[in-house]
Amino acid sequence: MNLSYSDEQNMLREQVLKFCESDYTFDVREKIVESNYGHNPETWKQFADLGWLAVPFSEENGGFNFGPIELAVIFEEFGKALVAEPYLANVVMSGSVLESSSNELAKQTISKIIDGTTQVSVAFSEANNGYNFHDIETSIEDGKLNGVKTVVLNASFANSFLVYARNGDKPVIYLVDAKEAGVSVNSFSTVDGQNCGDVTFENVEVGESSIISHDNDASQAINAMLDLANLCICAEAVGGMTASYLKTVQYTKEREQFGQPISNFQVLQHKMVDMFMEAEVSKSLLFKAMLQLDGKDDEASKTISGLKAQIGKSSRQVGQAAVQLHGGMGVSDEMSIGHYLKRFTVIDALFGNRNYHLNNFSNL
């Protein structure tokens, strides 16, 4: 097992790191989050120009043919900078579902995602299904789509939706234009300031030409999407934990009490060592998960569930310790440290929380 990144992967990391340090500072990020868009269209265009939107797609579809490892590299750096751009919704989730299809509509949509001219969100989750994402009530009858999808990432700004529905007793994924008659979005912000929405489909006309995948291919596409999305947000959490730890160490070196830096106090040193260890344990498990997923290992899904459960525990511990060691400054919006904890909270809830994945790990 090779635990070293390749030169290409290191170059990608360096490129993302430099961009975040120069063009995506915390102040810039906060202005973006507070805007009506929740992300910056100009930044999204930069992502397209830099080729980042093409990273996971096959060469046949105009991409770079990279995979889970390269996506994990990107998301780890995104996590350090609290990047709020809808890369997860568009490139990872929608991209994964579209790549699993061989029809012409999917290829055309991928091309538009890569050049940054369209945004697509996957509408797959429904209320009260307990993270059983295949328990769906949204259905198609007589060519009409009806149902409600919840917590659709980037819903307000999606040009189209990949809708996971039932046609009779068989699953199917449709590509539905957001401006289609009968489509409505109830938008809201998550605790970390990102955009989500509940999307209602009321007698929306759909045809055979808008089918992306169906039957077993559709359910497998959703499962593969969830594995990849969980891997990416776990990598993001690892980046966030690393940044939280380093910022906390730096702060305690600068903050003085009783005539000396508080970093000299042994009890605080122990707490920071605990933060470091939680981040490192999570990173080790991330390595295993991304290598297994990249190698199409049969155990990949189980490892990702274990990783997600570990991240749920570790990120909360690191985030809370970082806020505590910053004192009153830790809960102020003016400092980044509290925003990491907010993001960790959302990551734990996305695609199955800690308890769900602990049970899933035991049953797989």
Protein backbone atom coordinates (compact mmCIF):
# COMPACT_ATOMS: atom_id res chain seq x y z
CA MET A 1 0.00 0.00 0.00
CA ASN A 2 1.51 3.33 -1.11
CA LEU A 3 0.94 6.00 1.55
CA SER A 4 2.78 8.74 -0.37
CA TYR A 5 1.12 11.25 -2.65
CA SER A 6 2.31 11.40 -6.26
CA ASP A 7 3.96 14.49 -7.72
CA GLU A 8 0.71 15.35 -9.53
CA GLN A 9 -1.29 15.06 -6.32
CA ASN A 10 1.19 17.23 -4.43
CA MET A 11 1.08 19.82 -7.20
CA LEU A 12 -2.72 19.85 -7.01
CA ARG A 13 -2.56 20.34 -3.23
CA GLU A 14 -0.07 23.18 -3.62
CA GLN A 15 -2.27 24.87 -6.22
CA VAL A 16 -5.37 24.71 -4.02
CA LEU A 17 -3.39 25.83 -0.96
CA LYS A 18 -1.95 28.87 -2.74
CA PHE A 19 -5.36 29.86 -4.06
CA CYS A 20 -6.94 29.63 -0.61
CA GLU A 21 -4.14 31.62 1.02
CA SER A 22 -4.18 34.41 -1.56
CA ASP A 23 -7.75 34.57 -2.89
CA TYR A 24 -9.92 32.90 -0.24
CA THR A 25 -8.97 34.44 3.10
CA PHE A 26 -11.40 34.22 6.01
CA ASP A 27 -12.59 37.81 5.45
CA VAL A 28 -13.29 37.06 1.78
CA ARG A 29 -15.07 33.86 2.75
CA GLU A 30 -17.33 35.66 5.23
CA LYS A 31 -18.40 38.23 2.63
CA ILE A 32 -19.25 35.39 0.24
CA VAL A 33 -21.31 33.51 2.85
CA GLU A 34 -23.19 36.68 3.81
CA SER A 35 -24.04 37.49 0.19
CA ASN A 36 -27.33 36.60 -1.45
CA TYR A 37 -25.58 33.85 -3.43
CA GLY A 38 -23.85 32.06 -0.56
CA HIS A 39 -21.00 31.51 -3.00
CA ASN A 40 -19.10 33.68 -5.46
CA PRO A 41 -19.82 33.27 -9.21
CA GLU A 42 -16.40 34.78 -9.99
CA THR A 43 -14.69 32.24 -7.78
CA TRP A 44 -16.65 29.47 -9.46
CA LYS A 45 -15.41 30.73 -12.83
CA GLN A 46 -11.85 30.63 -11.46
CA PHE A 47 -12.42 27.01 -10.42
CA ALA A 48 -13.42 26.25 -14.01
CA ASP A 49 -10.43 28.13 -15.47
CA LEU A 50 -8.05 26.30 -13.11
CA GLY A 51 -9.50 22.97 -14.26
CA TRP A 52 -10.73 21.97 -10.80
CA LEU A 53 -14.26 21.31 -12.04
CA ALA A 54 -12.87 18.67 -14.41
CA VAL A 55 -10.85 16.75 -11.79
CA PRO A 56 -12.97 13.59 -11.25
CA PHE A 57 -14.43 13.21 -14.74
CA SER A 58 -13.16 10.73 -17.30
CA GLU A 59 -11.08 11.88 -20.26
CA GLU A 60 -13.92 10.71 -22.49
CA ASN A 61 -16.15 13.30 -20.83
CA GLY A 62 -13.54 16.06 -20.98
CA GLY A 63 -12.07 15.54 -17.51
CA PHE A 64 -8.67 14.66 -16.04
CA ASN A 65 -9.59 11.12 -15.05
CA PHE A 66 -8.60 11.65 -11.42
CA GLY A 67 -10.43 9.95 -8.57
CA PRO A 68 -11.13 9.79 -4.83
CA ILE A 69 -7.53 10.51 -3.79
CA GLU A 70 -7.34 13.76 -5.75
CA LEU A 71 -10.78 14.81 -4.51
CA ALA A 72 -9.69 14.10 -0.93
CA VAL A 73 -6.61 16.29 -1.50
CA ILE A 74 -8.81 19.15 -2.71
CA PHE A 75 -11.31 18.83 0.11
CA GLU A 76 -8.65 18.68 2.80
CA GLU A 77 -7.40 22.08 1.65
CA PHE A 78 -10.97 23.35 1.29
CA GLY A 79 -11.57 22.32 4.89
CA LYS A 80 -8.62 24.36 6.15
CA ALA A 81 -9.97 27.48 4.42
CA LEU A 82 -13.68 26.81 5.07
CA VAL A 83 -14.39 27.04 1.34
CA ALA A 84 -18.13 27.51 0.80
CA GLU A 85 -18.31 27.06 -2.98
CA PRO A 86 -20.77 24.33 -4.12
CA TYR A 87 -18.09 21.91 -5.29
CA LEU A 88 -19.61 19.03 -3.33
CA ALA A 89 -23.07 19.43 -4.85
CA ASN A 90 -21.95 19.98 -8.43
CA VAL A 91 -18.72 18.12 -9.08
CA VAL A 92 -18.74 15.33 -6.49
CA MET A 93 -22.40 14.38 -6.10
CA SER A 94 -23.91 15.34 -9.45
CA GLY A 95 -20.69 14.43 -11.23
CA SER A 96 -20.67 10.95 -9.70
CA VAL A 97 -24.26 10.23 -10.75
CA LEU A 98 -23.77 11.60 -14.26
CA GLU A 99 -20.49 9.70 -14.78
CA SER A 100 -22.30 6.45 -14.01
CA SER A 101 -24.52 7.00 -17.03
CA SER A 102 -23.53 6.53 -20.65
CA ASN A 103 -26.35 8.43 -22.32
CA GLU A 104 -25.81 11.61 -24.30
CA LEU A 105 -27.76 13.88 -21.92
CA ALA A 106 -25.41 12.97 -19.06
CA LYS A 107 -22.34 13.73 -21.19
CA GLN A 108 -23.74 17.08 -22.27
CA THR A 109 -24.49 18.02 -18.67
CA ILE A 110 -21.00 17.02 -17.52
CA SER A 111 -19.52 19.27 -20.20
CA LYS A 112 -21.52 22.23 -18.87
CA ILE A 113 -20.47 21.50 -15.28
CA ILE A 114 -16.80 21.39 -16.30
CA ASP A 115 -16.92 24.76 -18.06
CA GLY A 116 -18.85 26.30 -15.17
CA THR A 117 -21.93 27.29 -17.17
CA THR A 118 -24.42 25.13 -15.28
CA GLN A 119 -24.97 23.95 -11.73
CA VAL A 120 -26.67 20.67 -10.86
CA SER A 121 -27.85 19.32 -7.50
CA VAL A 122 -28.88 15.78 -6.56
CA ALA A 123 -32.36 15.62 -5.00
CA PHE A 124 -32.32 12.24 -3.27
CA SER A 125 -33.17 12.69 0.42
CA GLU A 126 -36.69 12.72 1.83
CA ALA A 127 -38.11 13.58 5.25
CA ASN A 128 -38.49 10.96 7.96
CA ASN A 129 -36.67 8.14 6.16
CA GLY A 130 -33.98 7.85 8.83
CA TYR A 131 -31.07 8.09 6.37
CA ASN A 132 -32.53 5.22 4.36
CA PHE A 133 -32.13 7.11 1.11
CA HIS A 134 -33.69 4.32 -0.96
CA ASP A 135 -36.98 4.62 0.94
CA ILE A 136 -38.53 7.13 -1.44
CA GLU A 137 -42.05 8.34 -2.01
CA THR A 138 -41.34 10.72 -4.89
CA SER A 139 -42.83 8.96 -7.90
CA ILE A 140 -43.73 9.18 -11.57
CA GLU A 141 -47.22 8.38 -12.74
CA ASP A 142 -48.53 9.02 -16.24
CA GLY A 143 -45.41 11.03 -17.05
CA LYS A 144 -45.89 13.33 -14.02
CA LEU A 145 -43.32 13.67 -11.22
CA ASN A 146 -44.63 14.34 -7.71
CA GLY A 147 -42.86 14.51 -4.36
CA VAL A 148 -40.70 16.55 -2.00
CA LYS A 149 -36.94 16.26 -1.63
CA THR A 150 -35.29 17.66 1.50
CA VAL A 151 -31.88 19.18 2.28
CA VAL A 152 -30.90 19.56 -1.37
CA LEU A 153 -27.48 21.19 -1.39
CA ASN A 154 -27.17 24.43 -3.39
CA ALA A 155 -30.85 24.11 -4.30
CA SER A 156 -31.47 27.82 -4.92
CA PHE A 157 -28.72 28.10 -7.51
CA ALA A 158 -29.07 24.78 -9.31
CA ASN A 159 -30.04 25.03 -12.97
CA SER A 160 -31.31 21.45 -12.85
CA PHE A 161 -31.87 18.60 -10.44
CA LEU A 162 -31.01 14.92 -10.58
CA VAL A 163 -34.14 13.51 -8.96
CA TYR A 164 -34.16 10.06 -7.38
CA ALA A 165 -37.71 8.72 -7.74
CA ARG A 166 -39.84 5.62 -8.24
CA ASN A 167 -41.43 4.55 -11.47
CA GLY A 168 -43.81 1.90 -10.23
CA ASP A 169 -41.63 -0.20 -7.93
CA LYS A 170 -38.39 0.56 -9.78
CA PRO A 171 -35.92 3.37 -8.96
CA VAL A 172 -35.07 5.92 -11.60
CA ILE A 173 -33.01 9.13 -11.80
CA TYR A 174 -34.36 11.99 -13.88
CA LEU A 175 -32.66 15.23 -14.90
CA VAL A 176 -35.24 17.97 -14.31
CA ASP A 177 -34.82 21.64 -15.26
CA ALA A 178 -35.19 23.91 -12.23
CA LYS A 179 -37.42 26.22 -14.26
CA GLU A 180 -39.81 23.46 -15.27
CA ALA A 181 -43.44 24.16 -14.38
CA GLY A 182 -44.27 22.61 -11.01
CA VAL A 183 -40.76 22.84 -9.54
CA SER A 184 -40.46 25.04 -6.44
CA VAL A 185 -37.64 25.57 -3.94
CA ASN A 186 -37.95 26.53 -0.29
CA SER A 187 -34.45 27.82 0.42
CA PHE A 188 -32.69 28.06 3.79
CA SER A 189 -29.18 28.37 5.20
CA THR A 190 -27.48 25.70 7.28
CA VAL A 191 -25.80 26.57 10.58
CA ASP A 192 -22.48 27.01 8.75
CA GLY A 193 -23.99 29.53 6.35
CA GLN A 194 -24.27 27.37 3.26
CA ASN A 195 -27.31 27.11 0.98
CA CYS A 196 -29.82 24.27 1.11
CA GLY A 197 -33.43 23.85 0.14
CA ASP A 198 -36.47 21.62 0.08
CA VAL A 199 -37.54 21.03 -3.51
CA THR A 200 -41.17 20.25 -4.37
CA PHE A 201 -42.17 18.60 -7.64
CA GLU A 202 -45.86 18.97 -8.42
CA ASN A 203 -47.10 17.33 -11.62
CA VAL A 204 -43.78 18.02 -13.34
CA GLU A 205 -43.73 16.58 -16.84
CA VAL A 206 -40.85 14.16 -17.40
CA GLY A 207 -40.11 11.96 -20.38
CA GLU A 208 -37.90 9.08 -21.42
CA SER A 209 -35.32 11.54 -22.78
CA SER A 210 -34.63 12.94 -19.30
CA ILE A 211 -33.76 9.56 -17.71
CA ILE A 212 -30.15 9.39 -16.53
CA SER A 213 -30.32 5.86 -15.09
CA HIS A 214 -32.92 3.38 -13.92
CA ASP A 215 -33.50 0.14 -12.04
CA ASN A 216 -30.43 -1.29 -10.29
CA ASP A 217 -28.12 1.17 -12.04
CA ALA A 218 -29.97 4.06 -10.38
CA SER A 219 -29.70 2.69 -6.84
CA GLN A 220 -26.05 1.77 -7.36
CA ALA A 221 -25.35 5.28 -8.64
CA ILE A 222 -26.81 6.75 -5.43
CA ASN A 223 -24.76 4.37 -3.27
CA ALA A 224 -21.55 5.24 -5.13
CA MET A 225 -22.36 8.95 -4.84
CA LEU A 226 -22.87 8.65 -1.07
CA ASP A 227 -19.55 6.84 -0.59
CA LEU A 228 -17.66 9.48 -2.54
CA ALA A 229 -19.50 12.40 -0.91
CA ASN A 230 -18.85 11.01 2.57
CA LEU A 231 -15.17 10.56 1.76
CA CYS A 232 -14.92 14.17 0.57
CA ILE A 233 -16.60 15.76 3.57
CA CYS A 234 -14.48 13.60 5.88
CA ALA A 235 -11.37 14.90 4.12
CA GLU A 236 -12.78 18.40 4.55
CA ALA A 237 -13.22 17.73 8.28
CA VAL A 238 -9.63 16.47 8.55
CA GLY A 239 -8.44 19.72 6.97
CA GLY A 240 -10.64 21.71 9.34
CA MET A 241 -9.34 19.81 12.39
CA THR A 242 -5.73 20.41 11.30
CA ALA A 243 -6.39 24.13 10.91
CA SER A 244 -8.24 24.29 14.25
CA TYR A 245 -5.36 22.62 16.05
CA LEU A 246 -2.69 24.83 14.48
CA LYS A 247 -4.66 28.04 15.06
CA THR A 248 -5.22 27.04 18.68
CA VAL A 249 -1.53 26.32 19.28
CA GLN A 250 -0.63 29.69 17.79
CA TYR A 251 -3.25 31.51 19.86
CA THR A 252 -2.10 29.95 23.13
CA LYS A 253 1.47 31.02 22.37
CA GLU A 254 0.32 34.63 21.96
CA ARG A 255 -2.25 34.81 24.78
CA GLU A 256 -0.66 35.61 28.12
CA GLN A 257 -1.95 34.99 31.63
CA PHE A 258 -0.09 35.30 34.94
CA GLY A 259 2.86 36.77 33.06
CA GLN A 260 3.40 33.89 30.63
CA PRO A 261 1.87 32.38 27.48
CA ILE A 262 -1.00 30.05 28.33
CA SER A 263 0.67 27.45 26.10
CA ASN A 264 3.04 26.87 29.03
CA PHE A 265 0.23 25.46 31.17
CA GLN A 266 0.43 21.70 31.20
CA VAL A 267 -3.31 21.06 31.29
CA LEU A 268 -3.72 23.07 28.06
CA GLN A 269 -0.81 21.25 26.48
CA HIS A 270 -2.55 17.95 27.20
CA LYS A 271 -5.75 19.21 25.60
CA MET A 272 -3.89 20.31 22.48
CA VAL A 273 -2.12 16.96 22.26
CA ASP A 274 -5.56 15.31 22.39
CA MET A 275 -6.69 17.58 19.53
CA PHE A 276 -3.64 16.60 17.49
CA MET A 277 -4.18 12.88 18.12
CA GLU A 278 -7.85 13.01 17.12
CA ALA A 279 -6.92 14.73 13.86
CA GLU A 280 -4.16 12.22 13.13
CA VAL A 281 -6.32 9.16 13.86
CA SER A 282 -8.95 10.54 11.50
CA LYS A 283 -6.36 11.25 8.83
CA SER A 284 -5.01 7.69 9.04
CA LEU A 285 -8.48 6.26 8.53
CA LEU A 286 -9.05 8.73 5.68
CA PHE A 287 -5.98 7.30 3.92
CA LYS A 288 -7.34 3.79 4.18
CA ALA A 289 -10.80 4.82 2.94
CA MET A 290 -9.60 6.81 -0.06
CA LEU A 291 -7.16 4.08 -1.15
CA GLN A 292 -9.86 1.42 -0.89
CA LEU A 293 -12.40 3.54 -2.78
CA ASP A 294 -9.83 4.40 -5.44
CA GLY A 295 -8.98 0.71 -5.78
CA LYS A 296 -12.66 -0.31 -5.88
CA ASP A 297 -12.17 -2.51 -2.82
CA ASP A 298 -15.29 -4.37 -1.68
CA GLU A 299 -14.61 -3.19 1.89
CA ALA A 300 -14.57 0.50 0.90
CA SER A 301 -18.16 1.26 1.94
CA LYS A 302 -17.60 -0.29 5.37
CA THR A 303 -14.38 1.66 5.90
CA ILE A 304 -16.08 4.91 4.86
CA SER A 305 -18.82 4.30 7.42
CA GLY A 306 -16.12 3.74 10.05
CA LEU A 307 -14.40 6.93 8.92
CA LYS A 308 -17.61 8.95 9.06
CA ALA A 309 -18.30 7.70 12.60
CA GLN A 310 -14.75 8.58 13.67
CA ILE A 311 -15.02 12.02 12.11
CA GLY A 312 -18.28 12.63 13.98
CA LYS A 313 -16.49 12.00 17.29
CA SER A 314 -13.11 13.57 16.55
CA SER A 315 -14.25 16.74 14.82
CA ARG A 316 -16.68 17.58 17.62
CA GLN A 317 -13.96 17.04 20.24
CA VAL A 318 -11.39 19.10 18.33
CA GLY A 319 -13.87 21.86 17.50
CA GLN A 320 -15.15 22.21 21.03
CA ALA A 321 -11.63 22.18 22.51
CA ALA A 322 -10.49 24.84 20.03
CA VAL A 323 -13.40 27.12 20.95
CA GLN A 324 -12.82 26.55 24.68
CA LEU A 325 -9.10 27.34 24.48
CA HIS A 326 -9.85 30.55 22.59
CA GLY A 327 -12.14 31.64 25.42
CA GLY A 328 -14.68 34.34 24.58
CA MET A 329 -12.96 34.96 21.25
CA GLY A 330 -13.82 31.42 20.21
CA VAL A 331 -17.54 32.13 19.92
CA SER A 332 -17.22 35.43 18.06
CA ASP A 333 -18.12 35.57 14.38
CA GLU A 334 -15.05 37.71 13.74
CA MET A 335 -12.73 34.75 14.32
CA SER A 336 -12.66 31.65 12.16
CA ILE A 337 -12.34 29.14 15.00
CA GLY A 338 -16.05 28.96 15.85
CA HIS A 339 -16.92 28.52 12.18
CA TYR A 340 -14.95 25.27 12.05
CA LEU A 341 -17.13 23.84 14.82
CA LYS A 342 -20.26 24.88 12.91
CA ARG A 343 -18.97 23.15 9.80
CA PHE A 344 -18.09 20.00 11.77
CA THR A 345 -21.66 19.93 13.10
CA VAL A 346 -23.10 20.03 9.58
CA ILE A 347 -20.63 17.43 8.28
CA ASP A 348 -21.67 15.02 11.03
CA ALA A 349 -25.33 15.35 10.01
CA LEU A 350 -24.77 15.03 6.25
CA PHE A 351 -25.40 11.64 4.60
CA GLY A 352 -25.81 9.81 7.90
CA ASN A 353 -24.66 10.92 11.36
CA ARG A 354 -22.21 9.19 13.71
CA ASN A 355 -24.79 6.81 15.21
CA TYR A 356 -26.10 5.78 11.80
CA HIS A 357 -22.63 4.99 10.48
CA LEU A 358 -21.63 3.13 13.63
CA ASN A 359 -24.62 0.83 13.07
CA ASN A 360 -23.87 0.65 9.37
CA PHE A 361 -20.26 -0.32 10.06
CA SER A 362 -21.40 -3.12 12.36
CA ASN A 363 -23.88 -4.49 9.82
CA LEU A 364 -21.76 -4.35 6.65
